[in-house]
Amino acid sequence: MTSQKHDFAAAAIRIEDAAPALRLSLRVKPAHRDAVGRALGLDLPARVGQRAQAGDIQALCLGPDEWLIAAPEGAPLADAARAVYADAPHSLVDISDREITLRLSGPAVLDLLAACCPRNLAAMAVGSAARTVFDSATVILWRDGPADFRMDVWRSFAPHVRSLLAQAQAEIAAGL
């Protein structure tokens, strides 16, 4: 017989709603990427999964011609992009109301995410992000620190994702 001690408090995981933010879906040909990036005030990353930040504005490369731009509510980014449209045609769509962001943190956050995400998140570099799935929901995971993630999820999938997160969190807390 063995005697084991478990410190379940150390496995605490925080799941919090992030404040609303401006989210923009940007589609632009690679030839016009730099011009649109300058108009938005940052260098748009060229590699999928790479992030860039300038002040409060962040950009995530989701594909060869696709970026997610995150900024504080009310940032005048659409006006700035509109100013270069004639020379750098692009599509910039406000998707702020489509998604919510959850902040996930704590020493067992990788275990929490592994419950429903097939991706090896331990190998995901701090400062990167990726579009992936969480069970059947497409999400974007931003790795902000070794034990800190943000998850963008469509509002229509949020109840399902919250339920899965709560179940996994309870199982981790119970030592399962």
N, C-alpha and C. Protein backbone atom coordinates (compact mmCIF):
# COMPACT_ATOMS: atom_id res chain seq x y z
N MET A 1 0.84 -1.17 0.00
CA MET A 1 0.00 0.00 0.00
C MET A 1 0.89 1.24 0.00
N THR A 2 0.51 2.23 -0.79
CA THR A 2 1.29 3.46 -0.83
C THR A 2 0.47 4.59 -0.24
N SER A 3 1.18 5.57 0.21
CA SER A 3 0.54 6.75 0.74
C SER A 3 0.91 7.92 -0.16
N GLN A 4 -0.10 8.55 -0.73
CA GLN A 4 0.16 9.68 -1.61
C GLN A 4 -0.55 10.91 -1.09
N LYS A 5 0.10 12.04 -1.28
CA LYS A 5 -0.51 13.32 -0.93
C LYS A 5 -0.75 14.09 -2.22
N HIS A 6 -1.89 14.69 -2.32
CA HIS A 6 -2.21 15.51 -3.49
C HIS A 6 -2.52 16.92 -3.02
N ASP A 7 -1.92 17.87 -3.65
CA ASP A 7 -2.21 19.26 -3.34
C ASP A 7 -3.07 19.81 -4.48
N PHE A 8 -4.38 19.62 -4.38
CA PHE A 8 -5.28 20.04 -5.45
C PHE A 8 -5.38 21.56 -5.53
N ALA A 9 -5.08 22.25 -4.45
CA ALA A 9 -5.09 23.72 -4.51
C ALA A 9 -4.02 24.21 -5.48
N ALA A 10 -2.92 23.46 -5.57
CA ALA A 10 -1.85 23.86 -6.48
C ALA A 10 -2.28 23.72 -7.94
N ALA A 11 -3.29 22.90 -8.19
CA ALA A 11 -3.77 22.70 -9.55
C ALA A 11 -4.86 23.71 -9.92
N ALA A 12 -5.04 24.73 -9.11
CA ALA A 12 -6.10 25.71 -9.35
C ALA A 12 -6.00 26.27 -10.77
N ILE A 13 -7.16 26.39 -11.37
CA ILE A 13 -7.26 26.94 -12.72
C ILE A 13 -8.29 28.07 -12.66
N ARG A 14 -7.94 29.20 -13.22
CA ARG A 14 -8.87 30.32 -13.29
C ARG A 14 -9.43 30.39 -14.71
N ILE A 15 -10.74 30.54 -14.80
CA ILE A 15 -11.42 30.74 -16.07
C ILE A 15 -12.20 32.03 -15.91
N GLU A 16 -11.83 33.05 -16.68
CA GLU A 16 -12.44 34.37 -16.54
C GLU A 16 -12.83 34.91 -17.90
N ASP A 17 -13.89 35.71 -17.92
CA ASP A 17 -14.26 36.42 -19.14
C ASP A 17 -13.35 37.62 -19.29
N ALA A 18 -12.82 37.79 -20.48
CA ALA A 18 -12.01 38.98 -20.76
C ALA A 18 -12.95 40.13 -21.12
N ALA A 19 -12.47 41.33 -20.94
CA ALA A 19 -13.25 42.52 -21.30
C ALA A 19 -13.50 42.52 -22.81
N PRO A 20 -14.62 43.07 -23.23
CA PRO A 20 -14.87 43.17 -24.67
C PRO A 20 -13.76 43.94 -25.36
N ALA A 21 -13.49 43.56 -26.59
CA ALA A 21 -12.42 44.21 -27.35
C ALA A 21 -12.84 44.31 -28.82
N LEU A 22 -12.15 45.15 -29.54
CA LEU A 22 -12.34 45.25 -30.98
C LEU A 22 -11.62 44.08 -31.62
N ARG A 23 -12.31 43.34 -32.48
CA ARG A 23 -11.70 42.25 -33.24
C ARG A 23 -12.02 42.48 -34.70
N LEU A 24 -10.99 42.41 -35.51
CA LEU A 24 -11.15 42.61 -36.94
C LEU A 24 -10.58 41.42 -37.69
N SER A 25 -11.30 40.98 -38.71
CA SER A 25 -10.79 39.95 -39.61
C SER A 25 -10.25 40.67 -40.83
N LEU A 26 -8.96 40.48 -41.09
CA LEU A 26 -8.29 41.14 -42.21
C LEU A 26 -7.89 40.10 -43.24
N ARG A 27 -8.25 40.35 -44.48
CA ARG A 27 -7.80 39.54 -45.61
C ARG A 27 -7.13 40.51 -46.58
N VAL A 28 -5.88 40.22 -46.91
CA VAL A 28 -5.13 41.07 -47.83
C VAL A 28 -4.07 40.23 -48.52
N LYS A 29 -3.84 40.51 -49.79
CA LYS A 29 -2.80 39.79 -50.52
C LYS A 29 -1.44 40.09 -49.90
N PRO A 30 -0.55 39.10 -49.91
CA PRO A 30 0.78 39.33 -49.33
C PRO A 30 1.50 40.56 -49.89
N ALA A 31 1.26 40.88 -51.14
CA ALA A 31 1.92 42.05 -51.75
C ALA A 31 1.49 43.36 -51.10
N HIS A 32 0.33 43.38 -50.47
CA HIS A 32 -0.19 44.61 -49.84
C HIS A 32 -0.13 44.55 -48.31
N ARG A 33 0.41 43.47 -47.78
CA ARG A 33 0.46 43.26 -46.33
C ARG A 33 1.16 44.41 -45.61
N ASP A 34 2.32 44.81 -46.10
CA ASP A 34 3.09 45.86 -45.41
C ASP A 34 2.35 47.19 -45.39
N ALA A 35 1.72 47.55 -46.50
CA ALA A 35 1.00 48.84 -46.58
C ALA A 35 -0.16 48.87 -45.59
N VAL A 36 -0.91 47.79 -45.54
CA VAL A 36 -2.05 47.75 -44.61
C VAL A 36 -1.53 47.71 -43.17
N GLY A 37 -0.47 46.96 -42.93
CA GLY A 37 0.12 46.92 -41.60
C GLY A 37 0.56 48.29 -41.13
N ARG A 38 1.24 49.03 -42.00
CA ARG A 38 1.66 50.39 -41.63
C ARG A 38 0.45 51.26 -41.29
N ALA A 39 -0.62 51.13 -42.07
CA ALA A 39 -1.82 51.93 -41.81
C ALA A 39 -2.41 51.58 -40.44
N LEU A 40 -2.33 50.31 -40.06
CA LEU A 40 -2.86 49.87 -38.76
C LEU A 40 -1.90 50.16 -37.61
N GLY A 41 -0.66 50.48 -37.95
CA GLY A 41 0.32 50.84 -36.92
C GLY A 41 1.16 49.70 -36.41
N LEU A 42 1.26 48.60 -37.17
CA LEU A 42 2.12 47.50 -36.74
C LEU A 42 2.54 46.68 -37.94
N ASP A 43 3.56 45.87 -37.75
CA ASP A 43 4.03 44.97 -38.80
C ASP A 43 3.19 43.70 -38.72
N LEU A 44 2.46 43.41 -39.79
CA LEU A 44 1.67 42.19 -39.82
C LEU A 44 2.62 41.00 -39.97
N PRO A 45 2.53 40.02 -39.09
CA PRO A 45 3.42 38.86 -39.19
C PRO A 45 3.15 38.08 -40.46
N ALA A 46 4.19 37.44 -41.00
CA ALA A 46 4.07 36.71 -42.26
C ALA A 46 3.86 35.21 -42.06
N ARG A 47 4.23 34.68 -40.90
CA ARG A 47 4.11 33.24 -40.66
C ARG A 47 2.84 32.91 -39.88
N VAL A 48 2.17 31.86 -40.29
CA VAL A 48 0.96 31.41 -39.59
C VAL A 48 1.32 31.09 -38.14
N GLY A 49 0.51 31.62 -37.23
CA GLY A 49 0.73 31.40 -35.80
C GLY A 49 1.57 32.48 -35.14
N GLN A 50 2.18 33.33 -35.94
CA GLN A 50 3.03 34.38 -35.39
C GLN A 50 2.17 35.58 -35.00
N ARG A 51 2.55 36.22 -33.90
CA ARG A 51 1.85 37.40 -33.40
C ARG A 51 2.75 38.61 -33.48
N ALA A 52 2.12 39.76 -33.61
CA ALA A 52 2.83 41.03 -33.55
C ALA A 52 2.02 41.96 -32.66
N GLN A 53 2.72 42.89 -32.01
CA GLN A 53 2.04 43.82 -31.14
C GLN A 53 2.69 45.19 -31.24
N ALA A 54 1.86 46.21 -31.24
CA ALA A 54 2.31 47.60 -31.16
C ALA A 54 1.34 48.31 -30.22
N GLY A 55 1.82 48.65 -29.05
CA GLY A 55 0.94 49.24 -28.05
C GLY A 55 -0.15 48.26 -27.67
N ASP A 56 -1.41 48.70 -27.78
CA ASP A 56 -2.55 47.85 -27.42
C ASP A 56 -3.10 47.06 -28.60
N ILE A 57 -2.46 47.15 -29.75
CA ILE A 57 -2.95 46.47 -30.95
C ILE A 57 -2.14 45.20 -31.17
N GLN A 58 -2.84 44.09 -31.39
CA GLN A 58 -2.18 42.81 -31.66
C GLN A 58 -2.69 42.26 -32.99
N ALA A 59 -1.81 41.58 -33.69
CA ALA A 59 -2.18 40.92 -34.94
C ALA A 59 -1.69 39.48 -34.89
N LEU A 60 -2.53 38.59 -35.34
CA LEU A 60 -2.21 37.16 -35.41
C LEU A 60 -2.37 36.71 -36.85
N CYS A 61 -1.34 36.09 -37.40
CA CYS A 61 -1.43 35.55 -38.75
C CYS A 61 -2.12 34.19 -38.68
N LEU A 62 -3.28 34.09 -39.35
CA LEU A 62 -4.06 32.85 -39.36
C LEU A 62 -3.88 32.07 -40.65
N GLY A 63 -3.37 32.71 -41.68
CA GLY A 63 -3.18 32.08 -42.98
C GLY A 63 -2.33 32.98 -43.85
N PRO A 64 -2.01 32.54 -45.06
CA PRO A 64 -1.12 33.34 -45.91
C PRO A 64 -1.67 34.72 -46.25
N ASP A 65 -2.99 34.87 -46.19
CA ASP A 65 -3.59 36.18 -46.49
C ASP A 65 -4.65 36.56 -45.45
N GLU A 66 -4.52 36.03 -44.22
CA GLU A 66 -5.55 36.23 -43.21
C GLU A 66 -4.93 36.56 -41.85
N TRP A 67 -5.48 37.61 -41.22
CA TRP A 67 -5.02 38.03 -39.89
C TRP A 67 -6.21 38.33 -39.01
N LEU A 68 -6.01 38.14 -37.73
CA LEU A 68 -6.96 38.58 -36.72
C LEU A 68 -6.30 39.77 -36.02
N ILE A 69 -6.99 40.87 -35.98
CA ILE A 69 -6.49 42.08 -35.32
C ILE A 69 -7.31 42.29 -34.05
N ALA A 70 -6.64 42.46 -32.92
CA ALA A 70 -7.31 42.71 -31.64
C ALA A 70 -6.82 44.05 -31.11
N ALA A 71 -7.76 44.86 -30.64
CA ALA A 71 -7.43 46.20 -30.14
C ALA A 71 -8.49 46.63 -29.14
N PRO A 72 -8.22 47.67 -28.38
CA PRO A 72 -9.25 48.18 -27.47
C PRO A 72 -10.48 48.65 -28.24
N GLU A 73 -11.63 48.51 -27.59
CA GLU A 73 -12.86 48.98 -28.23
C GLU A 73 -12.71 50.46 -28.62
N GLY A 74 -13.21 50.79 -29.79
CA GLY A 74 -13.19 52.17 -30.24
C GLY A 74 -11.93 52.58 -30.98
N ALA A 75 -10.94 51.72 -31.08
CA ALA A 75 -9.72 52.06 -31.82
C ALA A 75 -10.11 52.34 -33.28
N PRO A 76 -9.61 53.45 -33.85
CA PRO A 76 -10.02 53.86 -35.20
C PRO A 76 -9.27 53.12 -36.32
N LEU A 77 -9.19 51.82 -36.24
CA LEU A 77 -8.40 51.06 -37.22
C LEU A 77 -9.07 50.99 -38.58
N ALA A 78 -10.40 50.94 -38.62
CA ALA A 78 -11.09 50.87 -39.92
C ALA A 78 -10.82 52.13 -40.74
N ASP A 79 -10.82 53.28 -40.10
CA ASP A 79 -10.54 54.52 -40.81
C ASP A 79 -9.12 54.53 -41.35
N ALA A 80 -8.17 54.05 -40.55
CA ALA A 80 -6.78 54.01 -40.98
C ALA A 80 -6.61 53.07 -42.17
N ALA A 81 -7.26 51.93 -42.15
CA ALA A 81 -7.15 50.97 -43.26
C ALA A 81 -7.85 51.48 -44.50
N ARG A 82 -8.96 52.17 -44.31
CA ARG A 82 -9.70 52.72 -45.44
C ARG A 82 -8.84 53.72 -46.22
N ALA A 83 -7.96 54.41 -45.53
CA ALA A 83 -7.12 55.42 -46.18
C ALA A 83 -6.15 54.82 -47.19
N VAL A 84 -5.80 53.54 -47.06
CA VAL A 84 -4.85 52.92 -48.00
C VAL A 84 -5.53 51.94 -48.95
N TYR A 85 -6.85 51.87 -48.91
CA TYR A 85 -7.56 50.87 -49.70
C TYR A 85 -7.30 50.99 -51.20
N ALA A 86 -7.23 52.18 -51.73
CA ALA A 86 -7.02 52.36 -53.18
C ALA A 86 -5.71 51.74 -53.64
N ASP A 87 -4.67 51.85 -52.83
CA ASP A 87 -3.36 51.30 -53.19
C ASP A 87 -3.14 49.88 -52.66
N ALA A 88 -3.89 49.50 -51.65
CA ALA A 88 -3.73 48.17 -51.04
C ALA A 88 -5.12 47.60 -50.75
N PRO A 89 -5.78 47.08 -51.78
CA PRO A 89 -7.14 46.55 -51.56
C PRO A 89 -7.12 45.41 -50.52
N HIS A 90 -8.15 45.40 -49.69
CA HIS A 90 -8.22 44.41 -48.62
C HIS A 90 -9.65 44.32 -48.13
N SER A 91 -9.90 43.33 -47.30
CA SER A 91 -11.18 43.19 -46.62
C SER A 91 -10.91 43.29 -45.13
N LEU A 92 -11.58 44.21 -44.47
CA LEU A 92 -11.44 44.39 -43.02
C LEU A 92 -12.84 44.39 -42.43
N VAL A 93 -13.17 43.33 -41.67
CA VAL A 93 -14.52 43.15 -41.16
C VAL A 93 -14.48 43.12 -39.63
N ASP A 94 -15.37 43.89 -39.03
CA ASP A 94 -15.50 43.91 -37.58
C ASP A 94 -16.25 42.65 -37.14
N ILE A 95 -15.56 41.79 -36.39
CA ILE A 95 -16.16 40.54 -35.89
C ILE A 95 -16.26 40.55 -34.36
N SER A 96 -16.23 41.74 -33.79
CA SER A 96 -16.21 41.88 -32.33
C SER A 96 -17.36 41.18 -31.65
N ASP A 97 -18.56 41.25 -32.21
CA ASP A 97 -19.73 40.66 -31.56
C ASP A 97 -19.84 39.17 -31.80
N ARG A 98 -19.04 38.64 -32.70
CA ARG A 98 -19.12 37.22 -33.03
C ARG A 98 -18.50 36.34 -31.95
N GLU A 99 -17.51 36.85 -31.23
CA GLU A 99 -16.72 36.03 -30.33
C GLU A 99 -16.66 36.61 -28.92
N ILE A 100 -16.33 35.73 -27.99
CA ILE A 100 -15.97 36.16 -26.65
C ILE A 100 -14.56 35.64 -26.39
N THR A 101 -13.91 36.21 -25.40
CA THR A 101 -12.58 35.73 -25.02
C THR A 101 -12.61 35.28 -23.58
N LEU A 102 -12.08 34.09 -23.36
CA LEU A 102 -11.92 33.56 -22.01
C LEU A 102 -10.44 33.58 -21.67
N ARG A 103 -10.12 33.98 -20.45
CA ARG A 103 -8.74 33.90 -19.95
C ARG A 103 -8.65 32.64 -19.10
N LEU A 104 -7.66 31.82 -19.44
CA LEU A 104 -7.45 30.54 -18.74
C LEU A 104 -6.05 30.56 -18.17
N SER A 105 -5.93 30.34 -16.87
CA SER A 105 -4.60 30.40 -16.27
C SER A 105 -4.53 29.50 -15.05
N GLY A 106 -3.31 29.17 -14.69
CA GLY A 106 -3.06 28.34 -13.53
C GLY A 106 -2.12 27.21 -13.86
N PRO A 107 -1.57 26.57 -12.84
CA PRO A 107 -0.56 25.54 -13.06
C PRO A 107 -1.05 24.32 -13.84
N ALA A 108 -2.35 24.07 -13.87
CA ALA A 108 -2.87 22.91 -14.59
C ALA A 108 -3.61 23.30 -15.86
N VAL A 109 -3.34 24.49 -16.38
CA VAL A 109 -4.07 24.96 -17.55
C VAL A 109 -3.83 24.07 -18.78
N LEU A 110 -2.63 23.52 -18.92
CA LEU A 110 -2.37 22.63 -20.05
C LEU A 110 -3.20 21.36 -19.94
N ASP A 111 -3.38 20.84 -18.73
CA ASP A 111 -4.24 19.67 -18.53
C ASP A 111 -5.69 20.01 -18.87
N LEU A 112 -6.12 21.20 -18.46
CA LEU A 112 -7.48 21.65 -18.76
C LEU A 112 -7.72 21.68 -20.26
N LEU A 113 -6.82 22.30 -20.98
CA LEU A 113 -6.98 22.42 -22.43
C LEU A 113 -6.85 21.08 -23.13
N ALA A 114 -5.99 20.20 -22.62
CA ALA A 114 -5.79 18.89 -23.24
C ALA A 114 -7.05 18.02 -23.17
N ALA A 115 -7.97 18.36 -22.28
CA ALA A 115 -9.20 17.58 -22.15
C ALA A 115 -10.00 17.55 -23.45
N CYS A 116 -9.91 18.61 -24.26
CA CYS A 116 -10.73 18.69 -25.47
C CYS A 116 -9.99 19.23 -26.69
N CYS A 117 -8.70 19.49 -26.57
CA CYS A 117 -7.93 20.05 -27.68
C CYS A 117 -6.86 19.04 -28.11
N PRO A 118 -6.87 18.63 -29.38
CA PRO A 118 -5.92 17.62 -29.82
C PRO A 118 -4.50 18.15 -30.04
N ARG A 119 -4.32 19.42 -30.01
CA ARG A 119 -3.03 20.04 -30.29
C ARG A 119 -2.09 19.88 -29.09
N ASN A 120 -0.80 19.73 -29.35
CA ASN A 120 0.20 19.67 -28.29
C ASN A 120 0.50 21.10 -27.83
N LEU A 121 -0.24 21.57 -26.87
CA LEU A 121 -0.12 22.96 -26.43
C LEU A 121 1.13 23.21 -25.61
N ALA A 122 1.71 22.17 -25.04
CA ALA A 122 2.97 22.33 -24.31
C ALA A 122 4.08 22.77 -25.26
N ALA A 123 3.97 22.40 -26.53
CA ALA A 123 4.98 22.77 -27.52
C ALA A 123 4.72 24.15 -28.13
N MET A 124 3.60 24.74 -27.81
CA MET A 124 3.24 26.06 -28.34
C MET A 124 4.05 27.12 -27.60
N ALA A 125 4.80 27.90 -28.34
CA ALA A 125 5.67 28.91 -27.74
C ALA A 125 4.85 30.04 -27.10
N VAL A 126 5.35 30.53 -25.98
CA VAL A 126 4.75 31.73 -25.37
C VAL A 126 4.88 32.86 -26.40
N GLY A 127 3.79 33.60 -26.58
CA GLY A 127 3.79 34.68 -27.56
C GLY A 127 3.24 34.27 -28.91
N SER A 128 2.89 33.00 -29.05
CA SER A 128 2.30 32.56 -30.32
C SER A 128 0.80 32.34 -30.11
N ALA A 129 0.13 31.99 -31.18
CA ALA A 129 -1.30 31.71 -31.12
C ALA A 129 -1.64 30.78 -32.27
N ALA A 130 -2.80 30.15 -32.19
CA ALA A 130 -3.19 29.21 -33.23
C ALA A 130 -4.70 29.05 -33.27
N ARG A 131 -5.18 28.84 -34.48
CA ARG A 131 -6.57 28.43 -34.65
C ARG A 131 -6.57 26.91 -34.50
N THR A 132 -7.47 26.39 -33.68
CA THR A 132 -7.53 24.96 -33.43
C THR A 132 -8.97 24.60 -33.08
N VAL A 133 -9.18 23.40 -32.59
CA VAL A 133 -10.52 23.00 -32.16
C VAL A 133 -10.49 22.65 -30.69
N PHE A 134 -11.61 22.90 -30.06
CA PHE A 134 -11.84 22.49 -28.68
C PHE A 134 -13.13 21.70 -28.72
N ASP A 135 -13.01 20.38 -28.65
CA ASP A 135 -14.11 19.47 -28.92
C ASP A 135 -14.56 19.76 -30.36
N SER A 136 -15.77 20.24 -30.57
CA SER A 136 -16.25 20.50 -31.93
C SER A 136 -16.23 21.98 -32.30
N ALA A 137 -15.74 22.82 -31.42
CA ALA A 137 -15.74 24.27 -31.65
C ALA A 137 -14.39 24.75 -32.14
N THR A 138 -14.42 25.55 -33.19
CA THR A 138 -13.20 26.20 -33.65
C THR A 138 -12.90 27.34 -32.69
N VAL A 139 -11.66 27.40 -32.21
CA VAL A 139 -11.24 28.45 -31.27
C VAL A 139 -9.89 28.99 -31.72
N ILE A 140 -9.54 30.13 -31.17
CA ILE A 140 -8.19 30.65 -31.32
C ILE A 140 -7.59 30.71 -29.93
N LEU A 141 -6.45 30.05 -29.77
CA LEU A 141 -5.73 30.06 -28.49
C LEU A 141 -4.53 30.96 -28.60
N TRP A 142 -4.42 31.89 -27.69
CA TRP A 142 -3.27 32.80 -27.58
C TRP A 142 -2.49 32.36 -26.35
N ARG A 143 -1.23 32.05 -26.49
CA ARG A 143 -0.43 31.69 -25.32
C ARG A 143 0.31 32.94 -24.85
N ASP A 144 -0.14 33.48 -23.73
CA ASP A 144 0.43 34.71 -23.20
C ASP A 144 1.53 34.48 -22.18
N GLY A 145 1.61 33.29 -21.62
CA GLY A 145 2.62 32.95 -20.63
C GLY A 145 2.67 31.45 -20.47
N PRO A 146 3.61 30.94 -19.69
CA PRO A 146 3.72 29.49 -19.52
C PRO A 146 2.42 28.85 -19.03
N ALA A 147 1.67 29.56 -18.20
CA ALA A 147 0.42 29.02 -17.66
C ALA A 147 -0.74 29.99 -17.90
N ASP A 148 -0.65 30.76 -18.99
CA ASP A 148 -1.67 31.77 -19.29
C ASP A 148 -2.06 31.69 -20.77
N PHE A 149 -3.35 31.48 -21.00
CA PHE A 149 -3.89 31.42 -22.35
C PHE A 149 -5.11 32.31 -22.45
N ARG A 150 -5.40 32.73 -23.67
CA ARG A 150 -6.69 33.32 -24.00
C ARG A 150 -7.33 32.42 -25.04
N MET A 151 -8.63 32.25 -24.95
CA MET A 151 -9.36 31.45 -25.92
C MET A 151 -10.47 32.31 -26.51
N ASP A 152 -10.41 32.54 -27.82
CA ASP A 152 -11.50 33.22 -28.52
C ASP A 152 -12.42 32.14 -29.06
N VAL A 153 -13.70 32.26 -28.74
CA VAL A 153 -14.69 31.27 -29.16
C VAL A 153 -15.95 32.00 -29.62
N TRP A 154 -16.55 31.48 -30.67
CA TRP A 154 -17.79 32.08 -31.16
C TRP A 154 -18.85 32.03 -30.06
N ARG A 155 -19.62 33.10 -29.96
CA ARG A 155 -20.66 33.19 -28.93
C ARG A 155 -21.60 31.99 -28.96
N SER A 156 -21.93 31.52 -30.16
CA SER A 156 -22.88 30.41 -30.26
C SER A 156 -22.31 29.11 -29.68
N PHE A 157 -20.97 28.97 -29.64
CA PHE A 157 -20.34 27.80 -29.07
C PHE A 157 -19.94 28.00 -27.61
N ALA A 158 -20.03 29.21 -27.12
CA ALA A 158 -19.54 29.52 -25.77
C ALA A 158 -20.18 28.67 -24.68
N PRO A 159 -21.50 28.47 -24.67
CA PRO A 159 -22.06 27.62 -23.60
C PRO A 159 -21.49 26.20 -23.62
N HIS A 160 -21.32 25.64 -24.79
CA HIS A 160 -20.76 24.29 -24.92
C HIS A 160 -19.32 24.27 -24.41
N VAL A 161 -18.52 25.23 -24.82
CA VAL A 161 -17.11 25.29 -24.41
C VAL A 161 -17.01 25.53 -22.90
N ARG A 162 -17.82 26.43 -22.37
CA ARG A 162 -17.81 26.69 -20.92
C ARG A 162 -18.15 25.42 -20.13
N SER A 163 -19.12 24.67 -20.63
CA SER A 163 -19.52 23.44 -19.96
C SER A 163 -18.37 22.43 -19.95
N LEU A 164 -17.68 22.28 -21.06
CA LEU A 164 -16.54 21.36 -21.13
C LEU A 164 -15.41 21.82 -20.22
N LEU A 165 -15.14 23.12 -20.20
CA LEU A 165 -14.09 23.65 -19.33
C LEU A 165 -14.43 23.41 -17.86
N ALA A 166 -15.69 23.64 -17.50
CA ALA A 166 -16.11 23.43 -16.10
C ALA A 166 -15.98 21.96 -15.71
N GLN A 167 -16.35 21.08 -16.62
CA GLN A 167 -16.24 19.64 -16.33
C GLN A 167 -14.78 19.24 -16.16
N ALA A 168 -13.92 19.69 -17.08
CA ALA A 168 -12.49 19.35 -16.98
C ALA A 168 -11.89 19.97 -15.72
N GLN A 169 -12.28 21.19 -15.40
CA GLN A 169 -11.77 21.85 -14.19
C GLN A 169 -12.17 21.06 -12.94
N ALA A 170 -13.39 20.57 -12.88
CA ALA A 170 -13.84 19.79 -11.73
C ALA A 170 -13.07 18.46 -11.64
N GLU A 171 -12.81 17.83 -12.78
CA GLU A 171 -12.09 16.57 -12.78
C GLU A 171 -10.64 16.78 -12.31
N ILE A 172 -10.01 17.86 -12.74
CA ILE A 172 -8.65 18.15 -12.31
C ILE A 172 -8.63 18.43 -10.80
N ALA A 173 -9.61 19.21 -10.33
CA ALA A 173 -9.67 19.52 -8.90
C ALA A 173 -9.88 18.27 -8.05
N ALA A 174 -10.57 17.27 -8.63
CA ALA A 174 -10.82 16.02 -7.90
C ALA A 174 -9.66 15.03 -8.02
N GLY A 175 -8.66 15.41 -8.82
CA GLY A 175 -7.50 14.55 -8.98
C GLY A 175 -7.68 13.44 -10.00
N LEU A 176 -8.66 13.60 -10.87
CA LEU A 176 -8.91 12.58 -11.89
C LEU A 176 -8.05 12.79 -13.13
